[in-house]
N, C-alpha and C. Protein backbone atom coordinates (compact mmCIF):
# COMPACT_ATOMS: atom_id res chain seq x y z
N MET A 1 -32.43 59.31 17.94
CA MET A 1 -31.51 58.19 17.12
C MET A 1 -32.31 57.83 15.88
N ALA A 2 -31.71 56.97 15.25
CA ALA A 2 -32.23 56.44 13.87
C ALA A 2 -33.46 55.47 13.69
N THR A 3 -34.11 55.56 12.79
CA THR A 3 -35.26 54.62 12.21
C THR A 3 -34.85 53.45 11.60
N VAL A 4 -34.86 52.21 12.29
CA VAL A 4 -34.34 51.07 11.54
C VAL A 4 -35.38 49.85 11.07
N LEU A 5 -35.37 49.71 9.92
CA LEU A 5 -36.59 48.92 9.39
C LEU A 5 -35.71 47.55 9.46
N SER A 6 -36.30 46.42 10.06
CA SER A 6 -35.56 44.94 10.35
C SER A 6 -36.67 44.17 9.62
N VAL A 7 -36.00 43.51 8.39
CA VAL A 7 -36.78 42.94 7.48
C VAL A 7 -36.55 41.32 7.35
N SER A 8 -37.44 40.28 7.67
CA SER A 8 -37.19 39.02 7.55
C SER A 8 -37.70 38.57 6.64
N GLY A 9 -36.75 37.87 5.58
CA GLY A 9 -37.11 37.57 4.54
C GLY A 9 -37.42 35.91 4.45
N SER A 10 -37.87 35.65 5.69
CA SER A 10 -38.36 33.92 5.63
C SER A 10 -39.73 33.75 5.45
N PRO A 11 -39.90 32.64 4.69
CA PRO A 11 -41.48 32.43 4.38
C PRO A 11 -42.17 31.72 5.65
N SER A 12 -41.25 31.38 6.88
CA SER A 12 -41.92 30.71 7.79
C SER A 12 -42.17 31.42 8.98
N ALA A 13 -43.32 31.29 9.60
CA ALA A 13 -43.51 31.88 11.09
C ALA A 13 -42.82 31.42 11.96
N SER A 14 -42.38 30.12 11.96
CA SER A 14 -41.35 29.68 13.22
C SER A 14 -39.91 29.96 12.63
N SER A 15 -39.47 30.60 11.80
CA SER A 15 -37.98 30.59 11.23
C SER A 15 -36.94 30.92 12.30
N ARG A 16 -35.86 30.29 12.38
CA ARG A 16 -34.88 31.06 13.10
C ARG A 16 -34.44 32.23 12.68
N THR A 17 -34.29 32.73 11.30
CA THR A 17 -34.09 34.00 10.93
C THR A 17 -34.95 35.17 11.44
N GLY A 18 -36.04 34.91 11.38
CA GLY A 18 -37.05 35.84 11.96
C GLY A 18 -36.94 35.91 13.46
N ARG A 19 -36.62 35.06 14.37
CA ARG A 19 -36.58 35.02 15.44
C ARG A 19 -34.98 35.61 15.91
N LEU A 20 -34.14 35.50 15.00
CA LEU A 20 -32.92 35.85 15.34
C LEU A 20 -32.84 37.61 14.94
N LEU A 21 -33.62 37.96 13.70
CA LEU A 21 -33.88 39.41 13.62
C LEU A 21 -34.33 40.13 15.16
N ARG A 22 -35.37 39.50 15.25
CA ARG A 22 -36.21 40.25 16.46
C ARG A 22 -35.31 40.16 17.92
N HIS A 23 -34.48 39.23 17.87
CA HIS A 23 -33.49 39.19 19.12
C HIS A 23 -32.42 40.46 18.93
N LEU A 24 -31.94 40.69 17.61
CA LEU A 24 -30.89 41.69 17.22
C LEU A 24 -31.73 43.13 17.41
N ASP A 25 -32.89 43.15 17.14
CA ASP A 25 -33.67 44.04 17.18
C ASP A 25 -33.86 45.03 18.44
N GLN A 26 -33.68 44.01 19.62
CA GLN A 26 -33.41 44.42 21.13
C GLN A 26 -32.44 45.18 21.09
N ARG A 27 -30.97 44.76 20.59
CA ARG A 27 -29.98 45.37 20.90
C ARG A 27 -30.04 46.91 20.29
N LEU A 28 -30.61 46.96 19.01
CA LEU A 28 -30.60 48.42 18.53
C LEU A 28 -31.55 49.18 19.32
N ILE A 29 -32.71 48.51 19.73
CA ILE A 29 -33.60 49.32 20.51
C ILE A 29 -32.78 49.98 22.00
N ALA A 30 -32.17 49.02 22.54
CA ALA A 30 -31.48 49.42 23.58
C ALA A 30 -30.35 50.41 23.47
N GLN A 31 -29.85 50.53 22.26
CA GLN A 31 -29.03 51.58 21.85
C GLN A 31 -29.67 52.87 21.47
N GLY A 32 -31.19 53.32 21.62
CA GLY A 32 -31.99 54.16 21.29
C GLY A 32 -32.65 54.27 20.05
N HIS A 33 -32.33 53.28 19.15
CA HIS A 33 -32.94 53.24 17.98
C HIS A 33 -34.45 52.77 17.97
N GLU A 34 -35.23 53.46 17.00
CA GLU A 34 -36.47 52.83 16.74
C GLU A 34 -36.59 51.67 15.77
N VAL A 35 -37.13 50.82 16.19
CA VAL A 35 -36.96 49.57 15.00
C VAL A 35 -38.32 49.01 14.61
N ILE A 36 -38.72 48.80 13.36
CA ILE A 36 -39.74 48.66 12.83
C ILE A 36 -39.57 47.31 12.18
N PRO A 37 -40.27 46.21 12.77
CA PRO A 37 -40.04 44.71 12.20
C PRO A 37 -40.84 44.71 10.79
N LEU A 38 -40.41 44.02 9.91
CA LEU A 38 -41.28 43.51 8.86
C LEU A 38 -40.94 42.17 8.37
N ASP A 39 -42.13 41.57 8.47
CA ASP A 39 -42.22 40.06 8.17
C ASP A 39 -42.50 39.91 6.58
N VAL A 40 -41.74 39.55 5.67
CA VAL A 40 -42.41 39.70 4.50
C VAL A 40 -43.33 38.59 3.99
N ARG A 41 -43.42 37.65 5.07
CA ARG A 41 -44.31 36.36 4.59
C ARG A 41 -45.75 37.24 5.20
N THR A 42 -45.80 38.22 5.63
CA THR A 42 -47.31 38.90 6.06
C THR A 42 -47.61 39.36 4.86
N VAL A 43 -46.97 39.66 3.75
CA VAL A 43 -47.46 40.60 2.81
C VAL A 43 -48.13 39.34 1.72
N PRO A 44 -49.50 39.85 1.42
CA PRO A 44 -50.12 38.64 1.04
C PRO A 44 -49.39 38.11 -0.49
N ALA A 45 -49.36 36.88 -0.82
CA ALA A 45 -48.73 36.07 -1.94
C ALA A 45 -49.33 36.78 -2.93
N GLU A 46 -50.71 36.83 -3.31
CA GLU A 46 -51.06 37.41 -4.53
C GLU A 46 -50.40 38.71 -4.95
N ALA A 47 -50.17 39.67 -3.97
CA ALA A 47 -49.48 40.83 -4.25
C ALA A 47 -47.94 40.52 -4.71
N LEU A 48 -47.38 39.84 -4.10
CA LEU A 48 -45.99 39.50 -4.43
C LEU A 48 -45.79 38.73 -5.69
N LEU A 49 -46.50 37.75 -5.47
CA LEU A 49 -46.32 37.07 -7.23
C LEU A 49 -47.23 37.86 -8.38
N GLY A 50 -48.10 38.47 -7.92
CA GLY A 50 -48.69 39.22 -9.03
C GLY A 50 -48.17 40.61 -9.25
N ALA A 51 -47.21 40.83 -8.70
CA ALA A 51 -46.41 42.18 -8.98
C ALA A 51 -47.43 43.32 -8.92
N ASP A 52 -48.01 43.20 -7.75
CA ASP A 52 -49.41 44.43 -7.45
C ASP A 52 -48.79 45.43 -6.80
N PHE A 53 -48.09 46.55 -7.63
CA PHE A 53 -47.18 47.45 -6.82
C PHE A 53 -48.48 48.46 -5.95
N ARG A 54 -49.76 48.24 -6.16
CA ARG A 54 -50.86 49.14 -5.73
C ARG A 54 -51.48 48.48 -4.55
N HIS A 55 -51.26 47.15 -4.39
CA HIS A 55 -51.64 46.50 -3.05
C HIS A 55 -51.55 47.37 -1.81
N PRO A 56 -52.41 47.63 -0.95
CA PRO A 56 -52.13 48.31 0.12
C PRO A 56 -50.85 47.68 1.04
N ALA A 57 -50.69 46.42 0.96
CA ALA A 57 -49.35 45.87 2.00
C ALA A 57 -48.01 46.29 1.39
N VAL A 58 -48.27 46.14 -0.17
CA VAL A 58 -46.97 46.75 -1.08
C VAL A 58 -46.55 48.21 -0.64
N VAL A 59 -47.85 48.75 -0.86
CA VAL A 59 -47.59 50.26 -0.58
C VAL A 59 -47.17 50.75 0.98
N GLU A 60 -47.77 49.79 1.73
CA GLU A 60 -47.26 49.98 3.20
C GLU A 60 -45.89 49.68 3.51
N ALA A 61 -45.43 48.60 2.87
CA ALA A 61 -43.81 48.15 2.70
C ALA A 61 -43.13 49.23 2.23
N THR A 62 -43.37 49.57 1.00
CA THR A 62 -42.62 50.70 0.32
C THR A 62 -42.62 51.88 1.15
N GLY A 63 -43.42 52.42 1.94
CA GLY A 63 -43.45 53.71 2.77
C GLY A 63 -42.56 53.42 4.04
N LEU A 64 -42.52 51.92 4.57
CA LEU A 64 -41.58 51.46 5.53
C LEU A 64 -40.27 51.78 5.26
N PHE A 65 -39.94 51.16 3.94
CA PHE A 65 -38.39 51.45 3.46
C PHE A 65 -38.15 52.89 3.44
N ALA A 66 -39.28 53.79 2.80
CA ALA A 66 -38.87 55.12 2.55
C ALA A 66 -38.45 55.91 4.15
N ARG A 67 -39.33 55.57 4.94
CA ARG A 67 -39.08 56.38 6.22
C ARG A 67 -37.88 55.82 6.93
N ALA A 68 -37.07 54.49 6.57
CA ALA A 68 -36.14 54.12 7.35
C ALA A 68 -34.91 54.82 7.29
N ASP A 69 -33.96 54.67 8.10
CA ASP A 69 -32.61 55.61 7.96
C ASP A 69 -31.65 54.41 7.50
N GLY A 70 -31.96 53.31 8.31
CA GLY A 70 -31.16 51.77 8.12
C GLY A 70 -32.13 50.92 7.96
N VAL A 71 -31.62 49.83 7.11
CA VAL A 71 -32.30 48.55 7.19
C VAL A 71 -31.56 47.36 7.44
N VAL A 72 -32.02 46.69 8.15
CA VAL A 72 -31.50 45.07 8.44
C VAL A 72 -32.10 44.22 7.68
N VAL A 73 -31.56 43.56 6.79
CA VAL A 73 -32.25 42.48 5.83
C VAL A 73 -31.56 41.00 6.31
N GLY A 74 -32.66 40.30 6.76
CA GLY A 74 -32.10 39.09 7.02
C GLY A 74 -33.19 37.92 6.25
N THR A 75 -32.20 36.73 5.95
CA THR A 75 -32.82 35.67 5.12
C THR A 75 -32.34 34.49 5.37
N PRO A 76 -33.28 33.41 5.03
CA PRO A 76 -32.42 32.09 5.23
C PRO A 76 -32.03 31.96 3.76
N VAL A 77 -30.80 30.84 3.63
CA VAL A 77 -30.25 30.53 2.36
C VAL A 77 -30.98 29.30 1.79
N TYR A 78 -31.46 29.44 0.68
CA TYR A 78 -31.92 28.17 -0.07
C TYR A 78 -31.14 28.36 -1.36
N LYS A 79 -30.61 26.88 -1.57
CA LYS A 79 -29.86 26.96 -3.08
C LYS A 79 -29.07 28.04 -3.27
N ALA A 80 -28.43 28.30 -2.19
CA ALA A 80 -27.08 29.36 -2.31
C ALA A 80 -27.59 30.76 -2.69
N SER A 81 -28.90 31.07 -2.36
CA SER A 81 -29.19 32.42 -2.38
C SER A 81 -30.24 32.68 -1.45
N TYR A 82 -30.58 34.06 -1.62
CA TYR A 82 -31.78 34.51 -0.36
C TYR A 82 -33.05 34.02 -0.70
N SER A 83 -34.11 33.99 -0.10
CA SER A 83 -35.32 33.61 -0.14
C SER A 83 -35.89 34.22 -1.29
N GLY A 84 -36.88 33.43 -1.90
CA GLY A 84 -37.65 33.95 -3.22
C GLY A 84 -38.84 34.76 -2.59
N VAL A 85 -39.36 34.76 -1.24
CA VAL A 85 -40.04 35.76 -1.17
C VAL A 85 -39.60 37.19 -0.86
N LEU A 86 -38.37 37.35 -0.47
CA LEU A 86 -37.41 38.46 -0.09
C LEU A 86 -37.38 39.00 -1.54
N LYS A 87 -37.05 38.24 -2.30
CA LYS A 87 -36.68 38.82 -3.87
C LYS A 87 -37.90 39.18 -4.47
N ALA A 88 -39.11 38.57 -4.30
CA ALA A 88 -40.19 39.53 -4.72
C ALA A 88 -40.74 40.54 -4.15
N LEU A 89 -40.22 40.70 -2.57
CA LEU A 89 -40.63 42.24 -2.30
C LEU A 89 -39.77 43.42 -2.68
N LEU A 90 -38.16 42.71 -2.89
CA LEU A 90 -37.33 43.81 -3.47
C LEU A 90 -37.77 44.18 -4.76
N ASP A 91 -37.98 43.00 -5.55
CA ASP A 91 -38.34 43.50 -7.14
C ASP A 91 -39.63 44.62 -6.94
N LEU A 92 -40.76 44.50 -6.18
CA LEU A 92 -41.67 45.50 -6.00
C LEU A 92 -41.32 46.80 -5.57
N LEU A 93 -40.15 46.98 -4.78
CA LEU A 93 -39.63 48.25 -4.22
C LEU A 93 -39.05 49.19 -5.49
N PRO A 94 -39.32 50.58 -5.44
CA PRO A 94 -38.87 51.40 -6.12
C PRO A 94 -37.25 51.23 -6.44
N GLN A 95 -36.62 51.44 -7.87
CA GLN A 95 -35.28 51.09 -8.05
C GLN A 95 -34.45 51.29 -6.87
N TYR A 96 -34.69 52.71 -6.68
CA TYR A 96 -33.51 53.20 -5.68
C TYR A 96 -34.06 53.32 -4.26
N ALA A 97 -34.69 52.34 -3.83
CA ALA A 97 -35.17 52.37 -2.47
C ALA A 97 -34.35 52.24 -1.20
N LEU A 98 -33.43 52.11 -1.46
CA LEU A 98 -32.31 52.03 -0.35
C LEU A 98 -31.34 53.36 -0.43
N THR A 99 -31.46 54.08 -1.33
CA THR A 99 -30.80 55.15 -1.41
C THR A 99 -30.53 56.11 -0.24
N GLY A 100 -29.26 56.40 -0.05
CA GLY A 100 -29.05 57.14 1.50
C GLY A 100 -29.08 56.26 2.61
N LYS A 101 -29.40 54.93 2.73
CA LYS A 101 -29.68 54.15 3.79
C LYS A 101 -28.55 53.22 4.05
N THR A 102 -28.20 53.08 5.27
CA THR A 102 -27.05 52.32 5.71
C THR A 102 -27.90 50.68 6.00
N VAL A 103 -27.40 49.62 5.43
CA VAL A 103 -27.73 48.43 5.29
C VAL A 103 -26.95 47.46 5.97
N LEU A 104 -27.43 46.44 6.90
CA LEU A 104 -26.77 45.40 7.24
C LEU A 104 -27.70 43.88 6.57
N PRO A 105 -26.63 43.07 5.95
CA PRO A 105 -27.40 41.78 5.29
C PRO A 105 -26.88 40.76 6.45
N LEU A 106 -27.81 39.93 6.68
CA LEU A 106 -27.77 39.07 7.51
C LEU A 106 -28.32 37.51 6.68
N ALA A 107 -27.63 36.45 6.99
CA ALA A 107 -28.20 35.42 6.30
C ALA A 107 -28.17 34.09 7.21
N THR A 108 -29.05 33.05 7.61
CA THR A 108 -28.77 31.89 8.31
C THR A 108 -29.02 30.52 7.43
N GLY A 109 -28.72 29.63 7.62
CA GLY A 109 -28.62 28.46 6.95
C GLY A 109 -27.81 27.23 7.60
N GLY A 110 -28.35 26.05 7.13
CA GLY A 110 -27.78 24.89 7.80
C GLY A 110 -26.19 24.49 7.47
N SER A 111 -25.58 25.10 6.65
CA SER A 111 -24.11 24.64 6.32
C SER A 111 -23.28 25.80 5.88
N THR A 112 -21.94 25.84 6.22
CA THR A 112 -20.98 26.99 5.93
C THR A 112 -21.00 27.02 4.47
N ALA A 113 -21.39 25.93 3.73
CA ALA A 113 -21.22 26.11 2.27
C ALA A 113 -22.35 27.24 1.56
N HIS A 114 -22.98 27.83 2.45
CA HIS A 114 -23.80 28.88 1.99
C HIS A 114 -23.35 30.39 2.50
N VAL A 115 -22.11 30.34 3.17
CA VAL A 115 -21.81 31.64 3.95
C VAL A 115 -21.60 32.90 2.66
N LEU A 116 -21.46 32.39 1.56
CA LEU A 116 -21.12 33.49 0.56
C LEU A 116 -22.31 33.90 -0.08
N ALA A 117 -23.48 33.51 0.12
CA ALA A 117 -24.65 34.27 -0.24
C ALA A 117 -24.87 35.46 0.03
N ILE A 118 -24.38 36.02 1.11
CA ILE A 118 -24.54 37.38 1.42
C ILE A 118 -24.01 38.21 0.24
N ASP A 119 -22.66 37.90 0.02
CA ASP A 119 -21.85 38.59 -0.76
C ASP A 119 -21.92 38.15 -2.22
N TYR A 120 -22.60 37.22 -2.57
CA TYR A 120 -22.39 37.21 -3.83
C TYR A 120 -24.01 37.04 -4.54
N ALA A 121 -25.03 36.92 -3.64
CA ALA A 121 -26.19 37.03 -4.15
C ALA A 121 -27.16 38.08 -3.59
N LEU A 122 -27.14 38.59 -2.37
CA LEU A 122 -27.83 39.59 -1.57
C LEU A 122 -27.19 40.75 -1.70
N ARG A 123 -25.75 41.02 -1.48
CA ARG A 123 -25.16 42.27 -1.51
C ARG A 123 -25.10 43.18 -3.05
N PRO A 124 -25.34 42.45 -4.01
CA PRO A 124 -25.29 42.98 -5.35
C PRO A 124 -26.81 43.72 -5.40
N VAL A 125 -27.63 43.24 -5.05
CA VAL A 125 -29.13 43.64 -5.16
C VAL A 125 -29.32 44.63 -4.16
N LEU A 126 -28.53 44.72 -3.17
CA LEU A 126 -28.97 45.80 -2.26
C LEU A 126 -28.09 47.14 -2.73
N ASN A 127 -26.99 46.79 -3.09
CA ASN A 127 -26.25 47.99 -3.88
C ASN A 127 -26.70 48.34 -5.19
N SER A 128 -27.52 47.44 -5.87
CA SER A 128 -28.05 48.00 -7.17
C SER A 128 -29.46 49.06 -6.75
N MET A 129 -30.04 48.70 -5.33
CA MET A 129 -30.90 49.78 -4.89
C MET A 129 -30.31 51.03 -4.28
N GLY A 130 -29.12 51.03 -4.40
CA GLY A 130 -28.67 52.57 -4.01
C GLY A 130 -28.45 52.71 -2.69
N ALA A 131 -28.23 51.54 -2.04
CA ALA A 131 -27.69 51.61 -0.26
C ALA A 131 -26.59 52.76 -0.28
N ALA A 132 -26.48 53.71 0.59
CA ALA A 132 -25.37 54.44 0.88
C ALA A 132 -24.09 53.76 1.34
N HIS A 133 -24.45 52.60 2.20
CA HIS A 133 -23.45 52.12 2.93
C HIS A 133 -24.11 50.29 3.32
N ILE A 134 -23.28 49.49 2.81
CA ILE A 134 -23.66 48.15 3.08
C ILE A 134 -22.41 47.65 4.05
N VAL A 135 -22.94 47.36 5.15
CA VAL A 135 -22.00 47.00 6.31
C VAL A 135 -21.80 45.74 6.07
N GLN A 136 -20.69 45.10 6.86
CA GLN A 136 -20.17 43.59 6.51
C GLN A 136 -21.12 42.96 7.19
N GLY A 137 -21.47 41.84 6.29
CA GLY A 137 -22.89 41.17 6.74
C GLY A 137 -22.50 39.84 7.63
N TRP A 138 -23.20 38.96 7.88
CA TRP A 138 -22.90 38.06 8.76
C TRP A 138 -23.98 36.70 8.39
N PHE A 139 -23.44 35.64 8.41
CA PHE A 139 -24.01 34.25 8.37
C PHE A 139 -24.08 33.37 9.54
N THR A 140 -25.13 32.96 9.94
CA THR A 140 -25.19 32.13 11.12
C THR A 140 -25.83 31.04 10.87
N LEU A 141 -25.12 29.95 11.20
CA LEU A 141 -25.69 28.53 11.31
C LEU A 141 -26.66 28.28 12.14
N ASP A 142 -27.65 27.41 11.48
CA ASP A 142 -29.04 27.44 12.54
C ASP A 142 -28.87 26.70 13.41
N LYS A 143 -27.69 25.77 13.61
CA LYS A 143 -27.35 25.16 14.98
C LYS A 143 -26.79 25.83 15.93
N ASP A 144 -26.28 27.27 15.94
CA ASP A 144 -26.03 28.30 16.77
C ASP A 144 -27.23 29.32 17.26
N ILE A 145 -28.52 28.77 16.71
CA ILE A 145 -29.74 29.78 17.05
C ILE A 145 -30.38 28.53 17.88
N THR A 146 -30.96 28.88 19.18
CA THR A 146 -31.31 27.81 20.00
C THR A 146 -33.00 28.58 20.29
N VAL A 147 -33.90 28.28 19.78
CA VAL A 147 -35.23 28.90 20.26
C VAL A 147 -35.97 28.42 21.54
N ARG A 148 -36.13 29.04 22.48
CA ARG A 148 -36.58 28.44 23.57
C ARG A 148 -38.24 28.25 23.27
N ASP A 149 -39.10 27.74 24.53
CA ASP A 149 -40.07 27.42 24.51
C ASP A 149 -41.09 28.94 24.55
N ASP A 150 -40.62 29.71 25.08
CA ASP A 150 -41.18 31.26 24.98
C ASP A 150 -40.99 31.70 23.88
N GLY A 151 -40.02 31.32 22.79
CA GLY A 151 -39.98 32.08 21.56
C GLY A 151 -38.71 32.74 21.55
N SER A 152 -37.98 32.90 22.59
CA SER A 152 -37.08 33.59 22.91
C SER A 152 -35.59 32.85 22.30
N VAL A 153 -34.58 33.76 21.93
CA VAL A 153 -33.31 33.01 21.35
C VAL A 153 -32.20 33.23 22.34
N THR A 154 -31.48 31.84 22.44
CA THR A 154 -30.31 31.96 22.92
C THR A 154 -29.26 31.34 21.65
N LEU A 155 -28.26 32.40 21.55
CA LEU A 155 -27.28 32.20 20.59
C LEU A 155 -25.88 31.41 21.25
N ALA A 156 -25.54 30.71 20.25
CA ALA A 156 -23.91 29.91 20.90
C ALA A 156 -22.89 31.29 21.04
N PRO A 157 -22.01 31.19 22.24
CA PRO A 157 -21.52 32.17 22.57
C PRO A 157 -20.65 32.98 21.46
N THR A 158 -19.88 32.36 20.72
CA THR A 158 -18.98 32.96 19.57
C THR A 158 -19.97 33.51 18.68
N THR A 159 -21.12 32.97 18.50
CA THR A 159 -22.06 33.68 17.47
C THR A 159 -22.64 34.91 18.15
N ALA A 160 -22.86 34.82 19.25
CA ALA A 160 -23.55 36.02 20.02
C ALA A 160 -22.50 37.30 19.84
N GLU A 161 -21.32 36.86 20.17
CA GLU A 161 -20.41 37.75 20.17
C GLU A 161 -20.23 38.50 18.99
N ALA A 162 -19.96 37.61 17.98
CA ALA A 162 -19.72 38.09 16.34
C ALA A 162 -20.98 38.81 16.02
N LEU A 163 -22.31 38.61 16.43
CA LEU A 163 -23.30 39.11 15.72
C LEU A 163 -23.54 40.66 16.92
N GLY A 164 -23.10 40.64 17.93
CA GLY A 164 -22.97 41.89 18.87
C GLY A 164 -22.22 42.69 18.04
N HIS A 165 -20.83 42.40 17.52
CA HIS A 165 -20.21 43.36 16.76
C HIS A 165 -20.61 43.79 15.67
N VAL A 166 -21.27 43.02 14.95
CA VAL A 166 -21.54 43.28 13.34
C VAL A 166 -22.90 44.21 13.87
N VAL A 167 -23.71 44.16 14.98
CA VAL A 167 -24.96 45.09 14.86
C VAL A 167 -24.08 46.40 15.56
N ASP A 168 -23.30 46.44 16.34
CA ASP A 168 -22.69 47.59 17.09
C ASP A 168 -22.08 48.22 15.82
N GLN A 169 -21.28 47.65 14.83
CA GLN A 169 -20.97 48.38 13.56
C GLN A 169 -21.79 49.02 12.97
N PHE A 170 -23.01 48.20 12.57
CA PHE A 170 -23.90 48.83 12.13
C PHE A 170 -24.59 50.22 12.34
N ALA A 171 -24.95 49.88 13.96
CA ALA A 171 -25.35 51.36 14.55
C ALA A 171 -24.36 52.24 14.43
N ALA A 172 -23.07 52.00 14.41
CA ALA A 172 -22.11 53.33 14.27
C ALA A 172 -21.96 53.92 12.74
N ALA A 173 -22.27 52.76 11.94
CA ALA A 173 -22.23 53.20 10.45
C ALA A 173 -23.58 53.94 10.26
N LEU A 174 -24.72 53.70 10.77
CA LEU A 174 -26.06 54.21 10.59
C LEU A 174 -25.68 55.70 11.26
N ASP A 175 -25.33 55.79 12.55
CA ASP A 175 -25.27 57.33 13.26
C ASP A 175 -24.42 58.07 12.26
N GLY A 176 -23.28 57.50 11.53
CA GLY A 176 -22.36 58.20 10.83
C GLY A 176 -22.80 58.88 9.46
N THR A 177 -23.74 57.68 9.00
CA THR A 177 -24.32 58.16 7.68
C THR A 177 -25.50 59.28 7.94
N ARG A 178 -26.20 59.10 9.10
CA ARG A 178 -27.04 60.28 9.55
C ARG A 178 -26.54 61.55 9.61
N LEU A 179 -25.50 61.67 10.31
CA LEU A 179 -24.62 62.68 10.55
C LEU A 179 -24.33 63.34 9.34
N LEU A 180 -23.75 62.82 8.43
CA LEU A 180 -23.26 63.01 7.10
C LEU A 180 -24.30 63.72 6.15
N SER A 181 -25.75 63.08 6.32
CA SER A 181 -26.85 63.61 5.60
C SER A 181 -27.22 64.89 6.20
N ALA A 182 -27.21 64.91 7.34
CA ALA A 182 -27.63 66.33 8.13
C ALA A 182 -26.78 67.43 7.83
N ALA A 183 -25.75 67.03 7.72
CA ALA A 183 -24.39 68.20 7.23
C ALA A 183 -24.82 68.54 5.88
N SER A 184 -25.35 67.90 4.95
CA SER A 184 -25.32 68.00 3.61
C SER A 184 -26.27 69.28 3.11
């Protein structure tokens, strides 16, 4: 199957965004995909803020993007946009780092007032990076994500259903894009 890079753009180690992504990774793994998690917060701040393209962590992240067939990008929404730490990483990637890739944008936040952040803030950047196909993204309210004591996640039933559908659409688009690329 495909290799999927699952990128958490949250600056927090205990974020719902990161836990949601790791939860969704399991669905992709169950479908036979290889999933590589990347928590942007683990890239050293001096590399991100100093725009150090040669820093080993930035070089490694760039290689992960190059290796992936598809990318899931998850971010908390702050002030109607995606996180600054995610922006810093995206700025250090090659201009067309997403060329030929299927991309699934996801966002989390405390209010539905932020629901359009995917389409008006994140999607244009992903598009400018050459993504072959950006599937319909999904915004999840923080209140619909419950983190258990063991770190696992429980989703509100309607959220679980919607996210399952979105992830399945991403997997189908990913497989279709790979088939088209192989035929070329």
